[in-house]
C-alpha cells in the first residue's frame, strides 16, 4: 500500500497539469552548464571568449576523436574584442570552403549559410581549430569547430 501511495504522489504533478514548470534552480543549472561549456571551449581551443558571449549551439563528441562544435553569438563590437584578445586579425580569415567546418547536422548549419570568412590553425597534440564568423542583426555569430585526432 505504501508503494502504491508513493507512485501516486510521484505522478500527481503530471495528472494535475502536465510537466512541472522549470523553476529558478533549473534555469540557474542550465546557465551553469552553459558556463561550463564555454570554459571547455576556451580550454580546448586555447581561446578567450568575451564575458558577454552567448552559447547558441554546443556539441562535444568524445567517441573516437574528440570534437567540439559551437555557435557563439558575440554582441555588436564583440568580434573586434574577440580577435584582439586572441591575437587574431581579420586578414587571417579567408572566404573558403565551408566544408572545413563540417557538414550541416541539426542546428549546426555552416554549409547552408552564405560564404563567410574562416580561419584555421593546427594546434599541438594533433588538434585543429576552425573559426568562422557571420554578421547577424544581433551581433556576430562565430562558428567554432575544434577536433583532435
N, C-alpha and C. Protein backbone atom coordinates (compact mmCIF):
# COMPACT_ATOMS: atom_id res chain seq x y z
N UNK A 1 0.81 -1.19 0.00
CA UNK A 1 0.00 0.00 0.00
C UNK A 1 0.86 1.26 0.00
N UNK A 2 1.95 1.27 0.81
CA UNK A 2 2.85 2.42 0.84
C UNK A 2 3.49 2.65 -0.53
N UNK A 3 3.82 1.57 -1.20
CA UNK A 3 4.45 1.69 -2.51
C UNK A 3 3.49 2.31 -3.52
N UNK A 4 2.24 1.90 -3.50
CA UNK A 4 1.23 2.46 -4.38
C UNK A 4 1.05 3.95 -4.11
N UNK A 5 1.05 4.33 -2.85
CA UNK A 5 0.90 5.74 -2.48
C UNK A 5 2.09 6.55 -3.00
N UNK A 6 3.29 6.02 -2.89
CA UNK A 6 4.49 6.72 -3.39
C UNK A 6 4.41 6.92 -4.90
N UNK A 7 3.90 5.92 -5.61
CA UNK A 7 3.77 6.04 -7.06
C UNK A 7 2.75 7.12 -7.41
N UNK A 8 1.63 7.13 -6.70
CA UNK A 8 0.59 8.12 -6.96
C UNK A 8 1.11 9.53 -6.67
N UNK A 9 1.80 9.70 -5.56
CA UNK A 9 2.35 11.01 -5.20
C UNK A 9 3.35 11.48 -6.25
N UNK A 10 4.12 10.56 -6.79
CA UNK A 10 5.12 10.92 -7.79
C UNK A 10 4.48 11.39 -9.10
N UNK A 11 3.30 10.87 -9.43
CA UNK A 11 2.66 11.22 -10.69
C UNK A 11 1.59 12.30 -10.58
N UNK A 12 1.31 12.79 -9.39
CA UNK A 12 0.30 13.84 -9.21
C UNK A 12 0.61 15.07 -10.06
N UNK A 13 1.85 15.56 -10.12
CA UNK A 13 2.10 16.74 -10.96
C UNK A 13 1.71 16.53 -12.43
N UNK A 14 1.91 15.31 -12.93
CA UNK A 14 1.56 15.02 -14.31
C UNK A 14 0.05 14.99 -14.49
N UNK A 15 -0.65 14.40 -13.53
CA UNK A 15 -2.11 14.32 -13.60
C UNK A 15 -2.75 15.69 -13.43
N UNK A 16 -2.14 16.55 -12.65
CA UNK A 16 -2.72 17.86 -12.34
C UNK A 16 -2.51 18.88 -13.45
N UNK A 17 -1.61 18.68 -14.34
CA UNK A 17 -1.42 19.72 -15.36
C UNK A 17 -0.22 19.52 -16.24
N UNK A 18 0.26 18.34 -16.36
CA UNK A 18 1.38 18.10 -17.26
C UNK A 18 2.71 18.16 -16.55
N UNK A 19 3.73 18.50 -17.31
CA UNK A 19 5.09 18.53 -16.78
C UNK A 19 5.26 19.67 -15.81
N UNK A 20 6.08 19.49 -14.79
CA UNK A 20 6.34 20.59 -13.87
C UNK A 20 7.05 21.74 -14.57
N UNK A 21 6.79 22.93 -14.13
CA UNK A 21 7.40 24.13 -14.70
C UNK A 21 8.83 24.24 -14.20
N UNK A 22 9.72 24.65 -15.10
CA UNK A 22 11.11 24.83 -14.69
C UNK A 22 11.20 26.00 -13.74
N UNK A 23 11.80 25.78 -12.62
CA UNK A 23 11.96 26.84 -11.63
C UNK A 23 13.28 27.55 -11.78
N UNK A 24 13.51 28.49 -10.88
CA UNK A 24 14.74 29.28 -10.93
C UNK A 24 15.97 28.39 -10.79
N UNK A 25 15.87 27.33 -9.98
CA UNK A 25 17.04 26.47 -9.80
C UNK A 25 17.38 25.74 -11.09
N UNK A 26 16.38 25.33 -11.87
CA UNK A 26 16.65 24.66 -13.14
C UNK A 26 17.27 25.63 -14.14
N UNK A 27 16.78 26.86 -14.15
CA UNK A 27 17.34 27.85 -15.05
C UNK A 27 18.77 28.18 -14.67
N UNK A 28 19.04 28.27 -13.38
CA UNK A 28 20.41 28.53 -12.92
C UNK A 28 21.32 27.36 -13.29
N UNK A 29 20.79 26.14 -13.21
CA UNK A 29 21.59 24.97 -13.57
C UNK A 29 21.94 25.01 -15.05
N UNK A 30 20.96 25.37 -15.91
CA UNK A 30 21.24 25.46 -17.34
C UNK A 30 22.27 26.55 -17.61
N UNK A 31 22.18 27.66 -16.90
CA UNK A 31 23.15 28.74 -17.06
C UNK A 31 24.54 28.26 -16.65
N UNK A 32 24.63 27.51 -15.56
CA UNK A 32 25.91 26.97 -15.10
C UNK A 32 26.47 25.98 -16.12
N UNK A 33 25.60 25.18 -16.73
CA UNK A 33 26.05 24.23 -17.76
C UNK A 33 26.62 24.98 -18.96
N UNK A 34 25.97 26.07 -19.37
CA UNK A 34 26.47 26.87 -20.49
C UNK A 34 27.84 27.45 -20.15
N UNK A 35 28.02 27.91 -18.91
CA UNK A 35 29.32 28.44 -18.49
C UNK A 35 30.37 27.34 -18.54
N UNK A 36 30.02 26.13 -18.11
CA UNK A 36 30.98 25.01 -18.17
C UNK A 36 31.33 24.70 -19.61
N UNK A 37 30.35 24.76 -20.52
CA UNK A 37 30.61 24.50 -21.94
C UNK A 37 31.54 25.57 -22.50
N UNK A 38 31.30 26.83 -22.16
CA UNK A 38 32.17 27.92 -22.64
C UNK A 38 33.59 27.75 -22.11
N UNK A 39 33.71 27.33 -20.86
CA UNK A 39 35.03 27.09 -20.28
C UNK A 39 35.75 25.96 -21.01
N UNK A 40 35.01 24.89 -21.32
CA UNK A 40 35.59 23.77 -22.07
C UNK A 40 36.06 24.24 -23.44
N UNK A 41 35.25 25.05 -24.11
CA UNK A 41 35.63 25.59 -25.42
C UNK A 41 36.92 26.39 -25.30
N UNK A 42 36.99 27.26 -24.29
CA UNK A 42 38.20 28.09 -24.12
C UNK A 42 39.43 27.24 -23.86
N UNK A 43 39.29 26.20 -23.07
CA UNK A 43 40.45 25.35 -22.74
C UNK A 43 40.91 24.54 -23.94
N UNK A 44 39.98 23.88 -24.61
CA UNK A 44 40.37 23.02 -25.73
C UNK A 44 40.89 23.85 -26.91
N UNK A 45 40.17 24.92 -27.24
CA UNK A 45 40.53 25.71 -28.42
C UNK A 45 41.61 26.74 -28.12
N UNK A 46 41.98 26.86 -26.85
CA UNK A 46 43.00 27.81 -26.41
C UNK A 46 42.68 29.23 -26.87
N UNK A 47 41.45 29.63 -26.61
CA UNK A 47 40.98 30.98 -26.94
C UNK A 47 40.31 31.59 -25.72
N UNK A 48 40.11 32.89 -25.78
CA UNK A 48 39.35 33.60 -24.74
C UNK A 48 38.10 34.15 -25.39
N UNK A 49 36.96 33.93 -24.71
CA UNK A 49 35.69 34.44 -25.20
C UNK A 49 35.29 35.64 -24.35
N UNK A 50 34.68 36.65 -24.96
CA UNK A 50 34.20 37.79 -24.18
C UNK A 50 33.17 37.34 -23.15
N UNK A 51 33.10 38.04 -22.04
CA UNK A 51 32.17 37.66 -20.97
C UNK A 51 30.72 37.76 -21.41
N UNK A 52 30.43 38.56 -22.42
CA UNK A 52 29.05 38.69 -22.88
C UNK A 52 28.73 37.77 -24.07
N UNK A 53 29.59 36.81 -24.34
CA UNK A 53 29.34 35.83 -25.40
C UNK A 53 28.20 34.90 -24.97
N UNK A 54 27.33 34.56 -25.92
CA UNK A 54 26.21 33.66 -25.64
C UNK A 54 26.37 32.39 -26.47
N UNK A 55 26.26 31.27 -25.80
CA UNK A 55 26.37 29.99 -26.48
C UNK A 55 25.02 29.66 -27.12
N UNK A 56 25.01 29.56 -28.45
CA UNK A 56 23.78 29.30 -29.20
C UNK A 56 23.63 27.81 -29.48
N UNK A 57 24.75 27.15 -29.73
CA UNK A 57 24.76 25.71 -30.03
C UNK A 57 26.05 25.13 -29.48
N UNK A 58 25.97 23.91 -28.95
CA UNK A 58 27.16 23.25 -28.42
C UNK A 58 27.03 21.75 -28.61
N UNK A 59 28.09 21.14 -29.12
CA UNK A 59 28.18 19.70 -29.26
C UNK A 59 29.59 19.28 -28.90
N UNK A 60 29.70 18.27 -28.04
CA UNK A 60 31.01 17.76 -27.63
C UNK A 60 30.99 16.25 -27.82
N UNK A 61 31.77 15.77 -28.76
CA UNK A 61 31.87 14.34 -29.04
C UNK A 61 33.17 13.82 -28.45
N UNK A 62 33.09 12.68 -27.80
CA UNK A 62 34.30 12.09 -27.22
C UNK A 62 34.57 10.68 -27.74
N UNK A 63 33.66 10.13 -28.54
CA UNK A 63 33.87 8.79 -29.10
C UNK A 63 34.81 8.91 -30.30
N UNK A 64 35.83 8.09 -30.33
CA UNK A 64 36.81 8.18 -31.41
C UNK A 64 37.66 9.41 -31.22
N UNK A 65 37.57 10.34 -32.17
CA UNK A 65 38.30 11.59 -32.00
C UNK A 65 37.42 12.55 -31.20
N UNK A 66 38.05 13.35 -30.39
CA UNK A 66 37.29 14.35 -29.62
C UNK A 66 37.02 15.55 -30.51
N UNK A 67 35.79 16.05 -30.45
CA UNK A 67 35.41 17.19 -31.29
C UNK A 67 34.43 18.10 -30.56
N UNK A 68 34.57 19.38 -30.79
CA UNK A 68 33.64 20.37 -30.28
C UNK A 68 33.15 21.20 -31.44
N UNK A 69 31.86 21.39 -31.50
CA UNK A 69 31.24 22.31 -32.45
C UNK A 69 30.41 23.28 -31.63
N UNK A 70 30.57 24.54 -31.91
CA UNK A 70 29.82 25.54 -31.14
C UNK A 70 29.48 26.72 -32.03
N UNK A 71 28.32 27.29 -31.76
CA UNK A 71 27.94 28.56 -32.36
C UNK A 71 27.83 29.54 -31.19
N UNK A 72 28.57 30.62 -31.29
CA UNK A 72 28.67 31.59 -30.21
C UNK A 72 28.27 32.95 -30.75
N UNK A 73 27.31 33.58 -30.09
CA UNK A 73 26.86 34.90 -30.51
C UNK A 73 27.62 35.96 -29.73
N UNK A 74 28.32 36.82 -30.46
CA UNK A 74 29.02 37.95 -29.86
C UNK A 74 28.19 39.20 -30.16
N UNK A 75 28.03 40.09 -29.17
CA UNK A 75 27.26 41.30 -29.41
C UNK A 75 27.99 42.23 -30.39
N UNK A 76 27.31 43.24 -30.86
CA UNK A 76 27.94 44.22 -31.76
C UNK A 76 29.24 44.71 -31.13
N UNK A 77 30.29 44.76 -31.92
CA UNK A 77 31.60 45.17 -31.42
C UNK A 77 32.37 44.05 -30.76
N UNK A 78 31.73 42.90 -30.54
CA UNK A 78 32.37 41.78 -29.86
C UNK A 78 33.41 41.08 -30.70
N UNK A 79 33.25 41.11 -32.02
CA UNK A 79 34.21 40.43 -32.88
C UNK A 79 35.59 41.07 -32.77
N UNK A 80 35.63 42.38 -32.77
CA UNK A 80 36.92 43.09 -32.67
C UNK A 80 37.62 42.74 -31.36
N UNK A 81 36.85 42.73 -30.26
CA UNK A 81 37.44 42.36 -28.96
C UNK A 81 37.91 40.92 -28.97
N UNK A 82 37.10 40.03 -29.54
CA UNK A 82 37.45 38.61 -29.61
C UNK A 82 38.74 38.42 -30.39
N UNK A 83 38.84 39.04 -31.56
CA UNK A 83 40.05 38.92 -32.36
C UNK A 83 41.26 39.47 -31.63
N UNK A 84 41.10 40.63 -31.03
CA UNK A 84 42.20 41.28 -30.32
C UNK A 84 42.68 40.45 -29.13
N UNK A 85 41.75 39.94 -28.32
CA UNK A 85 42.12 39.15 -27.14
C UNK A 85 42.80 37.84 -27.51
N UNK A 86 42.59 37.38 -28.74
CA UNK A 86 43.18 36.11 -29.16
C UNK A 86 44.29 36.28 -30.18
N UNK A 87 44.82 37.50 -30.28
CA UNK A 87 45.91 37.81 -31.21
C UNK A 87 45.61 37.35 -32.63
N UNK A 88 44.38 37.58 -33.04
CA UNK A 88 43.96 37.27 -34.40
C UNK A 88 43.66 38.57 -35.13
N UNK A 89 43.72 38.52 -36.45
CA UNK A 89 43.40 39.68 -37.26
C UNK A 89 42.47 39.23 -38.39
N UNK A 90 41.63 40.15 -38.82
CA UNK A 90 40.66 39.83 -39.87
C UNK A 90 41.33 39.31 -41.13
N UNK A 91 42.55 39.79 -41.44
CA UNK A 91 43.22 39.33 -42.67
C UNK A 91 43.64 37.86 -42.60
N UNK A 92 43.62 37.25 -41.40
CA UNK A 92 43.96 35.83 -41.27
C UNK A 92 42.79 34.93 -41.67
N UNK A 93 41.61 35.52 -41.84
CA UNK A 93 40.42 34.78 -42.23
C UNK A 93 40.24 34.88 -43.74
N UNK A 94 39.83 33.79 -44.36
CA UNK A 94 39.59 33.76 -45.79
C UNK A 94 38.22 33.16 -46.07
N UNK A 95 37.58 33.65 -47.10
CA UNK A 95 36.32 33.05 -47.52
C UNK A 95 36.69 31.79 -48.29
N UNK A 96 36.53 30.65 -47.61
CA UNK A 96 36.93 29.36 -48.19
C UNK A 96 35.79 28.36 -48.05
N UNK A 97 36.04 27.16 -48.47
CA UNK A 97 35.05 26.10 -48.43
C UNK A 97 34.52 25.89 -47.02
N UNK A 98 33.21 25.94 -46.88
CA UNK A 98 32.59 25.71 -45.58
C UNK A 98 32.80 24.28 -45.08
N UNK A 99 33.24 23.40 -45.96
CA UNK A 99 33.46 22.01 -45.58
C UNK A 99 34.44 21.85 -44.44
N UNK A 100 35.30 22.83 -44.25
CA UNK A 100 36.25 22.77 -43.14
C UNK A 100 35.53 22.80 -41.78
N UNK A 101 34.35 23.39 -41.76
CA UNK A 101 33.57 23.45 -40.53
C UNK A 101 32.65 22.23 -40.38
N UNK A 102 32.68 21.34 -41.34
CA UNK A 102 31.85 20.14 -41.27
C UNK A 102 30.52 20.34 -41.98
N UNK A 103 29.82 19.24 -42.15
CA UNK A 103 28.53 19.29 -42.84
C UNK A 103 27.42 19.69 -41.88
N UNK A 104 26.33 20.18 -42.45
CA UNK A 104 25.17 20.57 -41.65
C UNK A 104 24.58 19.35 -40.96
N UNK A 105 24.20 19.55 -39.70
CA UNK A 105 23.58 18.49 -38.92
C UNK A 105 22.76 19.14 -37.82
N UNK A 106 21.45 19.11 -37.96
CA UNK A 106 20.58 19.75 -36.97
C UNK A 106 20.82 21.25 -36.92
N UNK A 107 21.10 21.77 -35.74
CA UNK A 107 21.34 23.20 -35.56
C UNK A 107 22.73 23.64 -36.03
N UNK A 108 23.58 22.68 -36.30
CA UNK A 108 24.92 23.00 -36.84
C UNK A 108 24.76 23.18 -38.34
N UNK A 109 24.88 24.42 -38.83
CA UNK A 109 24.47 24.71 -40.20
C UNK A 109 25.43 25.60 -41.00
N UNK A 110 26.73 25.43 -40.90
CA UNK A 110 27.62 26.32 -41.65
C UNK A 110 27.52 26.18 -43.16
N UNK A 111 27.30 24.98 -43.65
CA UNK A 111 27.27 24.77 -45.09
C UNK A 111 26.05 25.44 -45.73
N UNK A 112 24.99 25.62 -44.98
CA UNK A 112 23.78 26.23 -45.51
C UNK A 112 23.81 27.75 -45.50
N UNK A 113 24.86 28.34 -45.00
CA UNK A 113 24.97 29.79 -44.91
C UNK A 113 25.65 30.36 -46.16
N UNK A 114 25.51 31.66 -46.33
CA UNK A 114 26.26 32.32 -47.40
C UNK A 114 27.74 32.24 -47.04
N UNK A 115 28.59 32.46 -48.01
CA UNK A 115 30.03 32.39 -47.78
C UNK A 115 30.43 33.37 -46.67
N UNK A 116 31.30 32.93 -45.79
CA UNK A 116 31.80 33.79 -44.73
C UNK A 116 33.25 33.45 -44.42
N UNK A 117 33.99 34.38 -43.78
CA UNK A 117 35.41 34.17 -43.51
C UNK A 117 35.65 33.05 -42.49
N UNK A 118 36.69 32.25 -42.77
CA UNK A 118 37.07 31.13 -41.91
C UNK A 118 38.57 31.19 -41.66
N UNK A 119 38.96 30.83 -40.45
CA UNK A 119 40.36 30.79 -40.02
C UNK A 119 40.66 29.36 -39.61
N UNK A 120 41.85 28.88 -39.91
CA UNK A 120 42.24 27.54 -39.47
C UNK A 120 43.60 27.59 -38.80
N UNK A 121 43.77 26.72 -37.81
CA UNK A 121 45.04 26.65 -37.08
C UNK A 121 45.28 25.20 -36.66
N UNK A 122 46.47 24.70 -36.96
CA UNK A 122 46.86 23.41 -36.43
C UNK A 122 47.44 23.66 -35.05
N UNK A 123 46.97 22.91 -34.10
CA UNK A 123 47.39 23.11 -32.71
C UNK A 123 48.26 21.93 -32.28
N UNK A 124 48.73 22.01 -31.06
CA UNK A 124 49.59 20.94 -30.55
C UNK A 124 48.79 19.65 -30.35
N UNK A 125 49.46 18.57 -30.25
CA UNK A 125 48.87 17.26 -30.00
C UNK A 125 47.86 16.84 -31.06
N UNK A 126 48.06 17.27 -32.30
CA UNK A 126 47.18 16.83 -33.37
C UNK A 126 45.80 17.47 -33.38
N UNK A 127 45.64 18.58 -32.70
CA UNK A 127 44.34 19.26 -32.67
C UNK A 127 44.28 20.32 -33.77
N UNK A 128 43.07 20.57 -34.23
CA UNK A 128 42.82 21.59 -35.26
C UNK A 128 41.68 22.49 -34.80
N UNK A 129 41.79 23.75 -35.14
CA UNK A 129 40.77 24.73 -34.80
C UNK A 129 40.34 25.45 -36.07
N UNK A 130 39.05 25.50 -36.30
CA UNK A 130 38.46 26.26 -37.40
C UNK A 130 37.47 27.25 -36.80
N UNK A 131 37.62 28.50 -37.14
CA UNK A 131 36.71 29.55 -36.69
C UNK A 131 36.16 30.26 -37.92
N UNK A 132 34.88 30.53 -37.90
CA UNK A 132 34.26 31.33 -38.95
C UNK A 132 33.32 32.33 -38.30
N UNK A 133 33.08 33.43 -38.96
CA UNK A 133 32.15 34.39 -38.38
C UNK A 133 31.19 34.92 -39.43
N UNK A 134 29.97 35.15 -38.99
CA UNK A 134 28.89 35.56 -39.86
C UNK A 134 28.13 36.69 -39.18
N UNK A 135 28.14 37.89 -39.76
CA UNK A 135 27.40 39.01 -39.16
C UNK A 135 25.90 38.70 -39.08
N UNK A 136 25.29 39.09 -37.98
CA UNK A 136 23.86 38.90 -37.72
C UNK A 136 23.27 40.24 -37.27
N UNK A 137 21.95 40.33 -37.22
CA UNK A 137 21.32 41.55 -36.71
C UNK A 137 21.69 41.81 -35.25
N UNK A 138 21.82 40.73 -34.47
CA UNK A 138 22.09 40.85 -33.04
C UNK A 138 23.58 40.89 -32.71
N UNK A 139 24.45 40.89 -33.71
CA UNK A 139 25.89 40.88 -33.46
C UNK A 139 26.60 40.05 -34.50
N UNK A 140 27.49 39.17 -34.04
CA UNK A 140 28.26 38.30 -34.94
C UNK A 140 28.17 36.87 -34.42
N UNK A 141 27.83 35.95 -35.31
CA UNK A 141 27.76 34.54 -34.96
C UNK A 141 29.10 33.90 -35.32
N UNK A 142 29.76 33.31 -34.33
CA UNK A 142 31.04 32.64 -34.54
C UNK A 142 30.79 31.14 -34.58
N UNK A 143 31.25 30.51 -35.65
CA UNK A 143 31.23 29.06 -35.76
C UNK A 143 32.60 28.55 -35.32
N UNK A 144 32.62 27.63 -34.39
CA UNK A 144 33.88 27.07 -33.90
C UNK A 144 33.83 25.55 -34.07
N UNK A 145 34.83 25.01 -34.73
CA UNK A 145 34.98 23.56 -34.85
C UNK A 145 36.40 23.22 -34.43
N UNK A 146 36.51 22.49 -33.34
CA UNK A 146 37.80 22.06 -32.80
C UNK A 146 37.77 20.55 -32.76
N UNK A 147 38.85 19.92 -33.17
CA UNK A 147 38.92 18.47 -33.02
C UNK A 147 40.36 18.02 -32.87
N UNK A 148 40.48 16.88 -32.22
CA UNK A 148 41.80 16.25 -32.02
C UNK A 148 41.72 14.83 -32.54
N UNK A 149 42.66 14.47 -33.40
CA UNK A 149 42.66 13.13 -33.98
C UNK A 149 43.48 12.18 -33.14
